[in-house]
């Protein structure tokens, strides 16, 4: 088993979670005025709208003054809506331009502290090829695969079957396809591809779907995800009512459970993430326990909808949703 090299925290990095202390009557929080960015222009707009609505309600219940800003294609309008400048921005955007470093750069320029990761970590995490290279360099277990031009994918199988096709720069399982033995959909998938001129193709890892949330310097828990459709944890399974069942804590080999926590924290540190993240895994226990753990990706903007995994893990540890959102605001920072 390869060694996991966990970078040591640098000065100023977020430490272990501590629940926010309740404010006394009349006490003013130093980051009391919070603007919530939600919506956006990515394929995950509807997810972001749901996340934003939950966050707005939670922050108000925690005592913050909240300005909701529904983000559209007009960046100038977003910047105008941030005046007067809030004490912090809660970034509830998902997908491109929301979690890829784009809006993070704007907020750095405006010197407004914001939740979740900064420009570099956000951009790396959103680029699956770049993130995978960083993970591999730190000894983390990743699936074999490569970037394939779409025209090559249309012509022939790039890997032995079965394999997974996924966009390089999307989240929430948008565009993910599994090509199995006897499946003749490969050419059709390539011809209908709308996520750029190339795709990431990886070995399909059988077994179970796992996820681990991280808050600062603490990995929370391991959740097993059972997609009701019985295929994989796709977009519908993630966000439709009844689309999946979550088992927390996952029932698995104790050593493998601990390793999943370690790998999630190592991935968070390797990319230089801050605040909360969530790592997704495949766990191949088809030959028995302990199985093979494979890191798929890290999400720097975990979903905050009623079916989302990070809030569920936080609640499992006694951190309710308003406290989770308040903690995220307290960790808000910017490059300035």
Protein backbone atom coordinates (compact mmCIF):
# COMPACT_ATOMS: atom_id res chain seq x y z
CA UNK A 1 0.00 0.00 0.00
CA UNK A 2 1.47 3.37 -1.00
CA UNK A 3 2.34 5.90 1.67
CA UNK A 4 0.04 8.88 2.16
CA UNK A 5 2.02 12.07 2.61
CA UNK A 6 -0.09 14.63 4.44
CA UNK A 7 1.31 18.17 4.16
CA UNK A 8 1.65 19.85 7.54
CA UNK A 9 -0.72 22.77 8.17
CA UNK A 10 0.78 26.18 7.47
CA UNK A 11 0.47 29.22 9.70
CA UNK A 12 -3.04 30.64 9.59
CA UNK A 13 -4.72 27.50 8.31
CA UNK A 14 -8.05 26.50 9.81
CA UNK A 15 -7.80 24.25 12.85
CA UNK A 16 -10.19 21.72 14.34
CA UNK A 17 -13.87 22.61 14.34
CA UNK A 18 -15.14 24.54 17.32
CA UNK A 19 -18.86 25.37 17.42
CA UNK A 20 -19.52 29.12 17.34
CA UNK A 21 -20.29 30.57 20.75
CA UNK A 22 -23.77 32.06 21.19
CA UNK A 23 -23.83 35.85 21.17
CA UNK A 24 -25.02 37.75 24.21
CA UNK A 25 -27.88 40.21 23.89
CA UNK A 26 -26.65 43.32 22.10
CA UNK A 27 -23.33 41.76 21.10
CA UNK A 28 -22.34 42.41 17.47
CA UNK A 29 -20.58 39.69 15.49
CA UNK A 30 -17.52 40.93 13.58
CA UNK A 31 -18.94 39.31 10.45
CA UNK A 32 -22.58 39.94 11.02
CA UNK A 33 -23.49 41.24 7.55
CA UNK A 34 -23.32 38.36 5.10
CA UNK A 35 -24.16 38.31 1.39
CA UNK A 36 -25.14 34.88 0.02
CA UNK A 37 -24.27 34.23 -3.63
CA UNK A 38 -26.42 31.52 -5.16
CA UNK A 39 -27.81 30.44 -8.53
CA UNK A 40 -25.06 31.09 -11.06
CA UNK A 41 -24.76 30.13 -14.71
CA UNK A 42 -23.46 26.56 -14.55
CA UNK A 43 -25.24 23.26 -15.15
CA UNK A 44 -25.69 23.11 -11.37
CA UNK A 45 -27.76 26.29 -11.07
CA UNK A 46 -30.82 24.53 -9.62
CA UNK A 47 -28.69 22.81 -6.99
CA UNK A 48 -27.15 26.15 -6.05
CA UNK A 49 -30.56 27.79 -5.75
CA UNK A 50 -31.59 25.04 -3.33
CA UNK A 51 -28.33 25.32 -1.36
CA UNK A 52 -28.64 29.10 -1.19
CA UNK A 53 -32.20 29.02 0.11
CA UNK A 54 -31.15 26.67 2.92
CA UNK A 55 -28.11 28.80 3.81
CA UNK A 56 -30.07 32.07 3.85
CA UNK A 57 -32.58 30.64 6.32
CA UNK A 58 -29.86 29.06 8.48
CA UNK A 59 -27.75 32.22 8.72
CA UNK A 60 -30.77 34.33 9.61
CA UNK A 61 -31.70 31.87 12.35
CA UNK A 62 -28.10 32.15 13.62
CA UNK A 63 -28.49 35.92 13.95
CA UNK A 64 -26.74 37.21 10.83
CA UNK A 65 -27.99 40.04 8.63
CA UNK A 66 -28.29 38.32 5.25
CA UNK A 67 -28.42 39.84 1.78
CA UNK A 68 -29.42 37.20 -0.82
CA UNK A 69 -27.84 37.76 -4.26
CA UNK A 70 -29.16 35.52 -7.01
CA UNK A 71 -26.32 35.36 -9.53
CA UNK A 72 -26.90 35.48 -13.27
CA UNK A 73 -24.76 36.15 -16.32
CA UNK A 74 -24.23 39.86 -15.54
CA UNK A 75 -21.10 40.03 -13.40
CA UNK A 76 -21.41 43.81 -13.13
CA UNK A 77 -24.81 43.37 -11.48
CA UNK A 78 -23.29 40.95 -8.96
CA UNK A 79 -20.54 43.42 -8.08
CA UNK A 80 -23.09 46.23 -7.76
CA UNK A 81 -25.19 44.07 -5.42
CA UNK A 82 -22.16 43.71 -3.16
CA UNK A 83 -22.30 47.41 -2.31
CA UNK A 84 -22.26 48.43 0.44
CA UNK A 85 -19.58 45.85 1.02
CA UNK A 86 -20.67 43.04 3.37
CA UNK A 87 -18.48 41.70 6.15
CA UNK A 88 -18.35 38.34 4.36
CA UNK A 89 -19.74 36.48 1.38
CA UNK A 90 -21.20 33.02 1.71
CA UNK A 91 -20.44 31.39 -1.62
CA UNK A 92 -23.28 28.93 -2.29
CA UNK A 93 -22.53 28.72 -6.02
CA UNK A 94 -21.84 25.33 -7.60
CA UNK A 95 -20.17 24.37 -10.86
CA UNK A 96 -18.25 26.50 -13.32
CA UNK A 97 -17.63 30.16 -12.41
CA UNK A 98 -18.81 29.42 -8.86
CA UNK A 99 -16.34 26.86 -7.57
CA UNK A 100 -13.53 26.96 -10.15
CA UNK A 101 -11.72 30.05 -8.86
CA UNK A 102 -13.59 32.58 -11.01
CA UNK A 103 -15.85 34.23 -8.41
CA UNK A 104 -13.12 33.68 -5.82
CA UNK A 105 -10.80 35.90 -7.85
CA UNK A 106 -13.46 38.61 -8.07
CA UNK A 107 -13.96 38.56 -4.30
CA UNK A 108 -10.20 38.64 -3.71
CA UNK A 109 -10.03 41.72 -5.97
CA UNK A 110 -12.85 43.35 -3.97
CA UNK A 111 -11.14 42.37 -0.67
CA UNK A 112 -14.30 40.69 0.64
CA UNK A 113 -13.76 37.57 2.78
CA UNK A 114 -15.63 34.55 1.40
CA UNK A 115 -16.40 31.02 2.49
CA UNK A 116 -14.78 27.84 1.20
CA UNK A 117 -11.49 27.55 -0.69
CA UNK A 118 -9.48 30.24 -2.45
CA UNK A 119 -8.64 30.68 -6.13
CA UNK A 120 -5.88 28.12 -6.52
CA UNK A 121 -7.46 25.29 -4.53
CA UNK A 122 -10.84 25.88 -6.19
CA UNK A 123 -9.35 25.85 -9.69
CA UNK A 124 -7.30 22.72 -9.00
CA UNK A 125 -10.21 20.81 -7.50
CA UNK A 126 -12.52 21.68 -10.41
CA UNK A 127 -9.95 20.51 -12.97
CA UNK A 128 -10.11 16.75 -12.47
CA UNK A 129 -6.89 16.15 -14.42
CA UNK A 130 -4.90 18.66 -12.34
CA UNK A 131 -6.37 17.49 -9.05
CA UNK A 132 -5.64 13.87 -9.88
CA UNK A 133 -2.01 14.72 -10.62
CA UNK A 134 -1.66 16.44 -7.23
CA UNK A 135 -3.30 13.51 -5.44
CA UNK A 136 -1.01 11.01 -7.15
CA UNK A 137 2.05 13.11 -6.26
CA UNK A 138 1.00 12.91 -2.60
CA UNK A 139 0.61 9.14 -2.70
CA UNK A 140 -3.19 9.13 -2.64
CA UNK A 141 -5.05 6.25 -4.34
CA UNK A 142 -6.58 7.34 -7.67
CA UNK A 143 -8.17 5.41 -10.54
CA UNK A 144 -6.03 4.69 -13.62
CA UNK A 145 -7.15 6.70 -16.62
CA UNK A 146 -6.34 9.48 -19.06
CA UNK A 147 -7.72 12.47 -20.93
CA UNK A 148 -9.17 11.42 -24.29
CA UNK A 149 -10.10 13.63 -27.28
CA UNK A 150 -13.79 13.21 -28.04
CA UNK A 151 -13.12 12.18 -31.66
CA UNK A 152 -10.88 9.36 -30.41
CA UNK A 153 -13.62 8.28 -28.03
CA UNK A 154 -16.06 8.15 -30.92
CA UNK A 155 -13.74 5.87 -32.90
CA UNK A 156 -12.74 3.27 -30.28
CA UNK A 157 -12.65 2.23 -26.65
CA UNK A 158 -9.81 4.14 -24.94
CA UNK A 159 -9.57 1.67 -22.03
CA UNK A 160 -10.56 -1.95 -21.42
CA UNK A 161 -14.24 -2.27 -20.50
CA UNK A 162 -15.82 -1.27 -18.19
CA UNK A 163 -14.75 2.38 -17.85
CA UNK A 164 -16.16 5.74 -16.80
CA UNK A 165 -16.42 8.85 -18.97
CA UNK A 166 -16.65 12.19 -17.17
CA UNK A 167 -16.23 15.89 -17.98
CA UNK A 168 -12.93 17.40 -16.87
CA UNK A 169 -14.55 20.51 -15.36
CA UNK A 170 -18.03 19.73 -14.05
CA UNK A 171 -19.43 18.63 -10.70
CA UNK A 172 -22.47 16.81 -9.25
CA UNK A 173 -21.87 13.87 -11.63
CA UNK A 174 -23.02 16.04 -14.55
CA UNK A 175 -22.21 14.22 -17.81
CA UNK A 176 -20.84 11.04 -16.17
CA UNK A 177 -21.35 7.84 -18.17
CA UNK A 178 -20.38 4.23 -17.46
CA UNK A 179 -19.56 2.07 -20.49
CA UNK A 180 -19.83 -1.64 -19.71
CA UNK A 181 -19.18 -4.85 -21.62
CA UNK A 182 -21.77 -5.31 -24.34
CA UNK A 183 -22.66 -1.60 -24.22
CA UNK A 184 -22.81 0.07 -27.64
CA UNK A 185 -23.41 3.64 -26.40
CA UNK A 186 -19.79 4.88 -26.62
CA UNK A 187 -20.04 6.52 -30.05
CA UNK A 188 -23.42 8.05 -29.20
CA UNK A 189 -22.02 9.50 -25.95
CA UNK A 190 -19.09 10.99 -27.88
CA UNK A 191 -21.30 12.53 -30.57
CA UNK A 192 -23.61 14.07 -27.96
CA UNK A 193 -20.74 15.33 -25.76
CA UNK A 194 -21.20 18.99 -24.75
CA UNK A 195 -18.41 19.43 -22.22
CA UNK A 196 -15.51 20.47 -24.41
CA UNK A 197 -13.21 18.69 -26.83
CA UNK A 198 -11.93 16.08 -24.39
CA UNK A 199 -13.16 13.83 -21.61
CA UNK A 200 -11.57 12.06 -18.67
CA UNK A 201 -11.79 8.29 -19.00
CA UNK A 202 -11.04 6.13 -15.96
CA UNK A 203 -11.12 2.51 -14.95
CA UNK A 204 -14.51 1.60 -13.49
CA UNK A 205 -14.11 0.65 -9.84
CA UNK A 206 -16.77 -1.85 -8.69
CA UNK A 207 -18.04 -1.92 -5.14
CA UNK A 208 -19.46 0.80 -2.92
CA UNK A 209 -19.83 4.58 -3.06
CA UNK A 210 -18.39 6.43 -0.06
CA UNK A 211 -17.96 10.07 0.88
CA UNK A 212 -16.11 11.93 3.64
CA UNK A 213 -16.65 15.53 4.70
CA UNK A 214 -13.86 17.70 6.08
CA UNK A 215 -14.21 20.81 8.22
CA UNK A 216 -10.93 22.65 8.63
CA UNK A 217 -8.49 20.08 9.97
CA UNK A 218 -11.07 17.43 10.88
CA UNK A 219 -12.45 14.61 8.74
CA UNK A 220 -16.03 14.09 9.90
CA UNK A 221 -17.30 10.61 9.04
CA UNK A 222 -17.61 8.05 6.25
CA UNK A 223 -21.02 7.77 4.61
CA UNK A 224 -22.01 4.96 2.27
CA UNK A 225 -24.34 6.07 -0.52
CA UNK A 226 -26.87 3.65 -1.98
CA UNK A 227 -28.35 4.98 -5.22
CA UNK A 228 -31.93 3.80 -5.49
CA UNK A 229 -31.59 3.43 -9.26
CA UNK A 230 -28.92 0.82 -8.54
CA UNK A 231 -26.43 2.14 -11.10
CA UNK A 232 -24.25 4.85 -9.57
CA UNK A 233 -24.60 8.08 -7.63
CA UNK A 234 -25.64 10.27 -10.55
CA UNK A 235 -27.22 13.73 -10.60
CA UNK A 236 -30.75 12.41 -10.02
CA UNK A 237 -29.62 10.19 -7.15
CA UNK A 238 -27.94 13.18 -5.50
CA UNK A 239 -30.78 15.67 -5.66
CA UNK A 240 -34.11 13.91 -6.25
CA UNK A 241 -36.26 13.08 -3.24
CA UNK A 242 -35.66 9.42 -2.45
CA UNK A 243 -32.87 9.21 -5.04
CA UNK A 244 -30.44 7.65 -2.58
CA UNK A 245 -30.04 6.30 0.93
CA UNK A 246 -27.16 7.26 3.19
CA UNK A 247 -25.63 4.96 5.80
CA UNK A 248 -23.65 6.90 8.40
CA UNK A 249 -21.30 5.70 9.66
CA UNK A 250 -20.57 3.31 6.82
CA UNK A 251 -20.43 -0.35 7.89
CA UNK A 252 -16.99 -1.49 6.73
CA UNK A 253 -13.57 -2.68 7.86
CA UNK A 254 -12.35 -0.41 10.67
CA UNK A 255 -8.93 0.06 9.11
CA UNK A 256 -10.42 0.99 5.73
CA UNK A 257 -12.79 3.42 7.47
CA UNK A 258 -9.87 5.15 9.19
CA UNK A 259 -7.93 5.24 5.93
CA UNK A 260 -10.85 6.96 4.16
CA UNK A 261 -10.79 9.69 6.83
CA UNK A 262 -7.02 10.06 6.44
CA UNK A 263 -7.15 10.21 2.64
CA UNK A 264 -9.94 12.84 2.66
CA UNK A 265 -7.95 15.08 5.01
CA UNK A 266 -4.78 14.50 2.98
CA UNK A 267 -6.58 15.48 -0.25
CA UNK A 268 -7.99 18.61 1.42
CA UNK A 269 -4.49 19.62 2.53
CA UNK A 270 -2.76 18.63 -0.73
CA UNK A 271 -4.83 21.13 -2.75
CA UNK A 272 -4.59 23.82 -0.07
CA UNK A 273 -8.33 23.84 0.64
CA UNK A 274 -9.92 25.75 3.49
CA UNK A 275 -13.28 25.63 5.21
CA UNK A 276 -15.40 22.62 4.32
CA UNK A 277 -14.86 20.09 1.54
CA UNK A 278 -16.15 16.63 0.66
CA UNK A 279 -14.21 13.74 -0.89
CA UNK A 280 -15.89 11.02 -2.93
CA UNK A 281 -14.55 7.47 -3.08
CA UNK A 282 -15.16 4.06 -4.58
CA UNK A 283 -14.51 1.14 -2.29
CA UNK A 284 -14.02 -2.22 -3.99
CA UNK A 285 -14.78 -4.89 -1.42
CA UNK A 286 -16.01 -7.41 -3.98
CA UNK A 287 -13.16 -9.78 -2.99
CA UNK A 288 -13.73 -9.20 0.73
CA UNK A 289 -12.61 -6.81 3.44
CA UNK A 290 -10.49 -4.76 3.65
CA UNK A 291 -11.17 -3.56 0.14
CA UNK A 292 -9.49 -1.22 -2.32
CA UNK A 293 -10.15 2.45 -1.59
CA UNK A 294 -10.00 4.84 -4.59
CA UNK A 295 -10.28 8.63 -4.35
CA UNK A 296 -12.47 10.01 -7.14
CA UNK A 297 -12.52 13.76 -6.48
CA UNK A 298 -12.78 16.52 -3.93
CA UNK A 299 -15.64 19.02 -3.89
CA UNK A 300 -14.70 22.44 -2.53
CA UNK A 301 -18.34 23.62 -2.53
CA UNK A 302 -20.27 20.71 -1.00
CA UNK A 303 -24.00 20.77 -1.53
CA UNK A 304 -26.13 22.30 1.22
CA UNK A 305 -29.54 21.05 0.10
CA UNK A 306 -31.94 18.94 2.22
CA UNK A 307 -30.42 15.75 0.70
CA UNK A 308 -26.77 16.85 0.96
CA UNK A 309 -24.09 14.78 2.63
CA UNK A 310 -21.90 17.31 4.45
CA UNK A 311 -24.73 18.73 6.61
CA UNK A 312 -25.80 15.18 7.38
CA UNK A 313 -22.30 14.25 8.56
CA UNK A 314 -22.06 17.43 10.63
CA UNK A 315 -25.42 16.66 12.26
CA UNK A 316 -24.19 13.14 12.99
CA UNK A 317 -21.46 14.77 15.09
CA UNK A 318 -23.85 17.16 16.83
CA UNK A 319 -23.31 20.22 14.61
CA UNK A 320 -26.67 21.54 13.45
CA UNK A 321 -27.11 23.30 10.13
CA UNK A 322 -27.13 26.91 11.42
CA UNK A 323 -23.94 26.17 13.41
CA UNK A 324 -22.33 24.65 10.31
CA UNK A 325 -23.14 27.71 8.19
CA UNK A 326 -22.03 30.09 10.95
CA UNK A 327 -18.72 28.22 11.22
CA UNK A 328 -18.21 28.61 7.46
CA UNK A 329 -18.75 32.37 7.75
CA UNK A 330 -16.29 32.58 10.63
CA UNK A 331 -13.67 30.84 8.47
CA UNK A 332 -14.24 33.24 5.56
CA UNK A 333 -11.06 34.78 4.16
CA UNK A 334 -9.65 36.37 1.03
CA UNK A 335 -6.19 36.90 -0.42
CA UNK A 336 -6.22 40.57 0.56
